[in-house]
Amino acid sequence: MKNTVTLVGFVGNTPEVRNTQSGASITTVSLATTRSFKDSEGNRQSETEWHRITCFNGVGKCVAEHVTKGAMIMVTGRIHYTKWTDQNGTDRYGCEIIAEQVDFLAKAKEVSNDDPKKRRSK
């Protein structure tokens, strides 16, 4: 039996780093993957899904140092499901990818302030 997943997509946020009481480092990022397909009428459609990526210790440190929002990465890891009870006693469920390897495929595109087409509104 094997629980392996490989995702290639764009990072949606700046990596968030936290440390546990035992000193372990945990880095999380969101990753957008998009699939394209033709609908029943033959029109091209696309669908984006967001994934929570969790990286521990060395992998997480590397991601925190080198990954920025908009970068394209490839994550190889495993799917992990969680269940918890919230303050109201309601069962909640979550899914995350525990990264075992992260490959950096492309840096985020830089926005030039000189090019009006690429300016971001504030």
N, C-alpha and C. Protein backbone atom coordinates (compact mmCIF):
# COMPACT_ATOMS: atom_id res chain seq x y z
N MET A 1 0.84 -1.18 0.00
CA MET A 1 0.00 0.00 0.00
C MET A 1 0.88 1.24 0.00
N LYS A 2 0.40 2.28 -0.65
CA LYS A 2 1.21 3.48 -0.77
C LYS A 2 0.31 4.71 -0.77
N ASN A 3 0.72 5.72 -0.07
CA ASN A 3 0.03 7.01 -0.03
C ASN A 3 1.01 8.05 -0.54
N THR A 4 0.98 8.30 -1.85
CA THR A 4 1.90 9.25 -2.46
C THR A 4 1.13 10.19 -3.37
N VAL A 5 1.49 11.45 -3.32
CA VAL A 5 0.87 12.45 -4.18
C VAL A 5 1.97 13.36 -4.72
N THR A 6 1.83 13.77 -5.98
CA THR A 6 2.72 14.75 -6.58
C THR A 6 1.85 15.87 -7.15
N LEU A 7 2.14 17.09 -6.73
CA LEU A 7 1.39 18.26 -7.20
C LEU A 7 2.37 19.27 -7.78
N VAL A 8 1.97 19.90 -8.88
CA VAL A 8 2.74 20.99 -9.47
C VAL A 8 1.79 22.17 -9.57
N GLY A 9 2.19 23.29 -8.98
CA GLY A 9 1.31 24.45 -9.02
C GLY A 9 2.02 25.70 -8.56
N PHE A 10 1.21 26.75 -8.37
CA PHE A 10 1.71 28.05 -7.96
C PHE A 10 1.41 28.31 -6.49
N VAL A 11 2.40 28.83 -5.78
CA VAL A 11 2.26 29.14 -4.37
C VAL A 11 1.36 30.36 -4.21
N GLY A 12 0.39 30.26 -3.30
CA GLY A 12 -0.59 31.32 -3.14
C GLY A 12 -0.34 32.28 -2.00
N ASN A 13 0.69 32.04 -1.19
CA ASN A 13 0.97 32.93 -0.07
C ASN A 13 2.44 32.84 0.32
N THR A 14 2.87 33.78 1.12
CA THR A 14 4.21 33.72 1.68
C THR A 14 4.24 32.57 2.68
N PRO A 15 5.27 31.73 2.66
CA PRO A 15 5.32 30.61 3.62
C PRO A 15 5.19 31.09 5.06
N GLU A 16 4.40 30.35 5.83
CA GLU A 16 4.19 30.66 7.25
C GLU A 16 4.96 29.63 8.07
N VAL A 17 5.79 30.11 8.99
CA VAL A 17 6.64 29.23 9.80
C VAL A 17 6.22 29.34 11.26
N ARG A 18 6.11 28.19 11.92
CA ARG A 18 5.90 28.18 13.36
C ARG A 18 6.74 27.07 13.96
N ASN A 19 7.01 27.19 15.24
CA ASN A 19 7.82 26.19 15.93
C ASN A 19 7.00 25.54 17.02
N THR A 20 7.17 24.23 17.19
CA THR A 20 6.48 23.51 18.25
C THR A 20 7.26 23.68 19.56
N GLN A 21 6.65 23.27 20.65
CA GLN A 21 7.32 23.36 21.95
C GLN A 21 8.57 22.48 21.98
N SER A 22 8.55 21.41 21.20
CA SER A 22 9.72 20.51 21.17
C SER A 22 10.83 21.04 20.27
N GLY A 23 10.58 22.16 19.58
CA GLY A 23 11.61 22.76 18.74
C GLY A 23 11.51 22.41 17.27
N ALA A 24 10.54 21.61 16.88
CA ALA A 24 10.37 21.28 15.46
C ALA A 24 9.82 22.50 14.71
N SER A 25 10.26 22.66 13.49
CA SER A 25 9.82 23.76 12.64
C SER A 25 8.77 23.24 11.67
N ILE A 26 7.65 23.99 11.54
CA ILE A 26 6.58 23.62 10.63
C ILE A 26 6.32 24.80 9.70
N THR A 27 6.41 24.57 8.40
CA THR A 27 6.17 25.60 7.40
C THR A 27 4.96 25.19 6.57
N THR A 28 4.03 26.12 6.37
CA THR A 28 2.85 25.83 5.55
C THR A 28 2.75 26.85 4.41
N VAL A 29 2.28 26.37 3.27
CA VAL A 29 1.96 27.22 2.12
C VAL A 29 0.70 26.69 1.47
N SER A 30 0.03 27.54 0.74
CA SER A 30 -1.09 27.08 -0.08
C SER A 30 -0.58 26.93 -1.51
N LEU A 31 -1.11 25.92 -2.20
CA LEU A 31 -0.67 25.64 -3.56
C LEU A 31 -1.88 25.51 -4.47
N ALA A 32 -1.89 26.25 -5.57
CA ALA A 32 -2.98 26.20 -6.54
C ALA A 32 -2.60 25.29 -7.70
N THR A 33 -3.47 24.33 -7.98
CA THR A 33 -3.31 23.51 -9.17
C THR A 33 -4.53 23.74 -10.06
N THR A 34 -4.32 23.74 -11.36
CA THR A 34 -5.41 24.00 -12.29
C THR A 34 -5.45 22.91 -13.34
N ARG A 35 -6.65 22.40 -13.60
CA ARG A 35 -6.82 21.43 -14.67
C ARG A 35 -7.73 22.04 -15.73
N SER A 36 -7.44 21.72 -16.97
CA SER A 36 -8.25 22.18 -18.09
C SER A 36 -8.97 21.00 -18.69
N PHE A 37 -10.19 21.25 -19.16
CA PHE A 37 -10.99 20.19 -19.76
C PHE A 37 -12.03 20.81 -20.68
N LYS A 38 -12.61 19.96 -21.51
CA LYS A 38 -13.70 20.42 -22.37
C LYS A 38 -15.02 19.97 -21.76
N ASP A 39 -15.99 20.91 -21.71
CA ASP A 39 -17.29 20.57 -21.16
C ASP A 39 -18.12 19.82 -22.20
N SER A 40 -19.35 19.50 -21.86
CA SER A 40 -20.20 18.69 -22.74
C SER A 40 -20.50 19.38 -24.07
N GLU A 41 -20.32 20.71 -24.12
CA GLU A 41 -20.55 21.46 -25.36
C GLU A 41 -19.26 21.71 -26.13
N GLY A 42 -18.14 21.16 -25.64
CA GLY A 42 -16.86 21.31 -26.32
C GLY A 42 -16.09 22.57 -25.98
N ASN A 43 -16.59 23.34 -25.02
CA ASN A 43 -15.90 24.57 -24.62
C ASN A 43 -14.80 24.24 -23.61
N ARG A 44 -13.67 24.91 -23.76
CA ARG A 44 -12.55 24.71 -22.83
C ARG A 44 -12.89 25.36 -21.50
N GLN A 45 -12.74 24.61 -20.43
CA GLN A 45 -12.98 25.08 -19.07
C GLN A 45 -11.73 24.83 -18.23
N SER A 46 -11.62 25.53 -17.13
CA SER A 46 -10.52 25.26 -16.20
C SER A 46 -11.08 25.29 -14.78
N GLU A 47 -10.41 24.55 -13.92
CA GLU A 47 -10.85 24.43 -12.53
C GLU A 47 -9.62 24.46 -11.65
N THR A 48 -9.60 25.40 -10.70
CA THR A 48 -8.46 25.53 -9.79
C THR A 48 -8.82 24.98 -8.43
N GLU A 49 -7.90 24.20 -7.86
CA GLU A 49 -8.07 23.67 -6.52
C GLU A 49 -6.91 24.16 -5.66
N TRP A 50 -7.19 24.41 -4.40
CA TRP A 50 -6.17 24.88 -3.46
C TRP A 50 -5.83 23.77 -2.49
N HIS A 51 -4.54 23.61 -2.22
CA HIS A 51 -4.04 22.54 -1.35
C HIS A 51 -3.21 23.16 -0.23
N ARG A 52 -3.38 22.62 0.97
CA ARG A 52 -2.56 23.05 2.11
C ARG A 52 -1.34 22.14 2.15
N ILE A 53 -0.16 22.74 2.06
CA ILE A 53 1.09 21.99 2.06
C ILE A 53 1.79 22.23 3.40
N THR A 54 2.15 21.15 4.09
CA THR A 54 2.85 21.25 5.37
C THR A 54 4.23 20.62 5.23
N CYS A 55 5.25 21.38 5.62
CA CYS A 55 6.64 20.94 5.51
C CYS A 55 7.28 20.98 6.89
N PHE A 56 8.02 19.95 7.23
CA PHE A 56 8.66 19.89 8.53
C PHE A 56 10.16 20.11 8.41
N ASN A 57 10.73 20.66 9.46
CA ASN A 57 12.17 20.80 9.68
C ASN A 57 12.94 21.25 8.45
N GLY A 58 13.86 20.41 7.91
CA GLY A 58 14.75 20.81 6.82
C GLY A 58 14.01 21.22 5.56
N VAL A 59 13.00 20.44 5.16
CA VAL A 59 12.23 20.78 3.96
C VAL A 59 11.53 22.12 4.18
N GLY A 60 10.95 22.28 5.36
CA GLY A 60 10.25 23.53 5.68
C GLY A 60 11.18 24.72 5.70
N LYS A 61 12.37 24.55 6.25
CA LYS A 61 13.34 25.64 6.30
C LYS A 61 13.72 26.08 4.89
N CYS A 62 13.94 25.12 4.01
CA CYS A 62 14.30 25.41 2.63
C CYS A 62 13.16 26.15 1.92
N VAL A 63 11.93 25.70 2.13
CA VAL A 63 10.77 26.35 1.53
C VAL A 63 10.64 27.78 2.06
N ALA A 64 10.79 27.96 3.36
CA ALA A 64 10.67 29.29 3.96
C ALA A 64 11.72 30.26 3.42
N GLU A 65 12.91 29.76 3.14
CA GLU A 65 14.00 30.61 2.66
C GLU A 65 13.92 30.94 1.18
N HIS A 66 13.38 30.02 0.37
CA HIS A 66 13.50 30.17 -1.08
C HIS A 66 12.19 30.32 -1.85
N VAL A 67 11.06 30.13 -1.20
CA VAL A 67 9.78 30.17 -1.92
C VAL A 67 9.05 31.47 -1.60
N THR A 68 8.48 32.08 -2.63
CA THR A 68 7.66 33.27 -2.46
C THR A 68 6.33 33.06 -3.16
N LYS A 69 5.38 33.89 -2.83
CA LYS A 69 4.07 33.83 -3.47
C LYS A 69 4.25 33.95 -4.98
N GLY A 70 3.58 33.08 -5.72
CA GLY A 70 3.65 33.10 -7.18
C GLY A 70 4.66 32.14 -7.76
N ALA A 71 5.54 31.58 -6.94
CA ALA A 71 6.54 30.63 -7.44
C ALA A 71 5.86 29.32 -7.85
N MET A 72 6.43 28.65 -8.84
CA MET A 72 5.93 27.34 -9.23
C MET A 72 6.80 26.28 -8.57
N ILE A 73 6.15 25.35 -7.86
CA ILE A 73 6.88 24.28 -7.19
C ILE A 73 6.24 22.93 -7.48
N MET A 74 7.02 21.89 -7.27
CA MET A 74 6.50 20.52 -7.36
C MET A 74 6.67 19.91 -5.97
N VAL A 75 5.58 19.41 -5.42
CA VAL A 75 5.57 18.82 -4.09
C VAL A 75 5.31 17.33 -4.22
N THR A 76 6.15 16.53 -3.60
CA THR A 76 5.93 15.10 -3.50
C THR A 76 5.77 14.79 -2.02
N GLY A 77 4.71 14.09 -1.68
CA GLY A 77 4.46 13.80 -0.28
C GLY A 77 3.31 12.83 -0.12
N ARG A 78 2.59 12.99 1.00
CA ARG A 78 1.48 12.10 1.29
C ARG A 78 0.27 12.91 1.74
N ILE A 79 -0.91 12.36 1.50
CA ILE A 79 -2.16 12.99 1.93
C ILE A 79 -2.40 12.64 3.39
N HIS A 80 -2.77 13.65 4.18
CA HIS A 80 -3.04 13.42 5.60
C HIS A 80 -4.39 14.06 5.94
N TYR A 81 -5.29 13.27 6.47
CA TYR A 81 -6.61 13.75 6.88
C TYR A 81 -6.64 13.95 8.38
N THR A 82 -7.31 15.00 8.83
CA THR A 82 -7.42 15.25 10.25
C THR A 82 -8.88 15.45 10.64
N LYS A 83 -9.17 15.18 11.89
CA LYS A 83 -10.51 15.40 12.45
C LYS A 83 -10.32 16.02 13.82
N TRP A 84 -11.10 17.06 14.10
CA TRP A 84 -11.06 17.68 15.41
C TRP A 84 -12.46 18.17 15.76
N THR A 85 -12.64 18.50 17.01
CA THR A 85 -13.91 19.04 17.49
C THR A 85 -13.72 20.50 17.84
N ASP A 86 -14.56 21.37 17.26
CA ASP A 86 -14.41 22.80 17.51
C ASP A 86 -15.02 23.18 18.85
N GLN A 87 -15.00 24.47 19.16
CA GLN A 87 -15.49 24.97 20.44
C GLN A 87 -16.97 24.66 20.69
N ASN A 88 -17.73 24.51 19.61
CA ASN A 88 -19.16 24.24 19.72
C ASN A 88 -19.48 22.75 19.76
N GLY A 89 -18.43 21.92 19.76
CA GLY A 89 -18.65 20.48 19.79
C GLY A 89 -18.93 19.87 18.43
N THR A 90 -18.72 20.64 17.36
CA THR A 90 -18.95 20.15 16.01
C THR A 90 -17.69 19.48 15.47
N ASP A 91 -17.86 18.31 14.88
CA ASP A 91 -16.71 17.65 14.26
C ASP A 91 -16.31 18.39 13.00
N ARG A 92 -15.03 18.65 12.87
CA ARG A 92 -14.47 19.31 11.69
C ARG A 92 -13.45 18.38 11.06
N TYR A 93 -13.28 18.54 9.74
CA TYR A 93 -12.36 17.68 9.00
C TYR A 93 -11.44 18.53 8.15
N GLY A 94 -10.23 18.05 7.95
CA GLY A 94 -9.28 18.77 7.11
C GLY A 94 -8.42 17.80 6.33
N CYS A 95 -7.77 18.34 5.32
CA CYS A 95 -6.89 17.55 4.48
C CYS A 95 -5.67 18.41 4.18
N GLU A 96 -4.50 17.81 4.26
CA GLU A 96 -3.27 18.52 3.94
C GLU A 96 -2.31 17.55 3.27
N ILE A 97 -1.33 18.11 2.59
CA ILE A 97 -0.28 17.32 1.99
C ILE A 97 0.97 17.50 2.86
N ILE A 98 1.50 16.40 3.36
CA ILE A 98 2.74 16.43 4.13
C ILE A 98 3.87 16.28 3.11
N ALA A 99 4.63 17.34 2.91
CA ALA A 99 5.68 17.35 1.89
C ALA A 99 6.90 16.56 2.34
N GLU A 100 7.35 15.68 1.48
CA GLU A 100 8.59 14.94 1.71
C GLU A 100 9.71 15.51 0.85
N GLN A 101 9.31 16.13 -0.28
CA GLN A 101 10.28 16.76 -1.18
C GLN A 101 9.59 17.91 -1.88
N VAL A 102 10.30 19.02 -2.01
CA VAL A 102 9.79 20.18 -2.73
C VAL A 102 10.86 20.61 -3.73
N ASP A 103 10.47 20.65 -5.00
CA ASP A 103 11.38 21.10 -6.07
C ASP A 103 10.93 22.47 -6.54
N PHE A 104 11.90 23.37 -6.72
CA PHE A 104 11.61 24.73 -7.15
C PHE A 104 11.69 24.77 -8.67
N LEU A 105 10.56 25.03 -9.33
CA LEU A 105 10.51 24.99 -10.78
C LEU A 105 10.66 26.37 -11.43
N ALA A 106 10.05 27.39 -10.84
CA ALA A 106 10.15 28.74 -11.40
C ALA A 106 9.91 29.76 -10.30
N LYS A 107 10.69 30.82 -10.31
CA LYS A 107 10.50 31.89 -9.34
C LYS A 107 9.25 32.68 -9.71
N ALA A 108 8.73 33.40 -8.73
CA ALA A 108 7.58 34.27 -8.97
C ALA A 108 8.00 35.36 -9.96
N LYS A 109 7.08 35.75 -10.82
CA LYS A 109 7.37 36.81 -11.77
C LYS A 109 7.45 38.13 -11.03
N GLU A 110 8.47 38.90 -11.36
CA GLU A 110 8.63 40.20 -10.72
C GLU A 110 7.76 41.22 -11.45
N VAL A 111 7.19 42.12 -10.69
CA VAL A 111 6.36 43.17 -11.26
C VAL A 111 7.20 44.43 -11.37
N SER A 112 7.27 44.97 -12.59
CA SER A 112 8.04 46.19 -12.83
C SER A 112 7.13 47.40 -12.63
N ASN A 113 7.62 48.37 -11.89
CA ASN A 113 6.84 49.59 -11.68
C ASN A 113 6.85 50.47 -12.92
N ASP A 114 7.76 50.20 -13.87
CA ASP A 114 7.86 51.00 -15.08
C ASP A 114 6.83 50.59 -16.13
N ASP A 115 6.33 49.38 -16.05
CA ASP A 115 5.39 48.87 -17.04
C ASP A 115 3.97 49.02 -16.51
N PRO A 116 3.16 49.93 -17.06
CA PRO A 116 1.81 50.17 -16.55
C PRO A 116 0.91 48.94 -16.66
N LYS A 117 1.18 48.04 -17.59
CA LYS A 117 0.37 46.84 -17.74
C LYS A 117 0.59 45.87 -16.59
N LYS A 118 1.74 45.99 -15.93
CA LYS A 118 2.08 45.06 -14.88
C LYS A 118 1.96 45.65 -13.47
N ARG A 119 1.51 46.88 -13.39
CA ARG A 119 1.38 47.51 -12.07
C ARG A 119 0.23 46.87 -11.31
N ARG A 120 0.46 46.70 -10.03
CA ARG A 120 -0.60 46.17 -9.16
C ARG A 120 -1.28 47.35 -8.48
N SER A 121 -2.59 47.28 -8.38
CA SER A 121 -3.30 48.35 -7.67
C SER A 121 -3.15 48.12 -6.18
N LYS A 122 -3.08 49.21 -5.44
CA LYS A 122 -2.91 49.10 -3.99
C LYS A 122 -4.18 49.42 -3.28
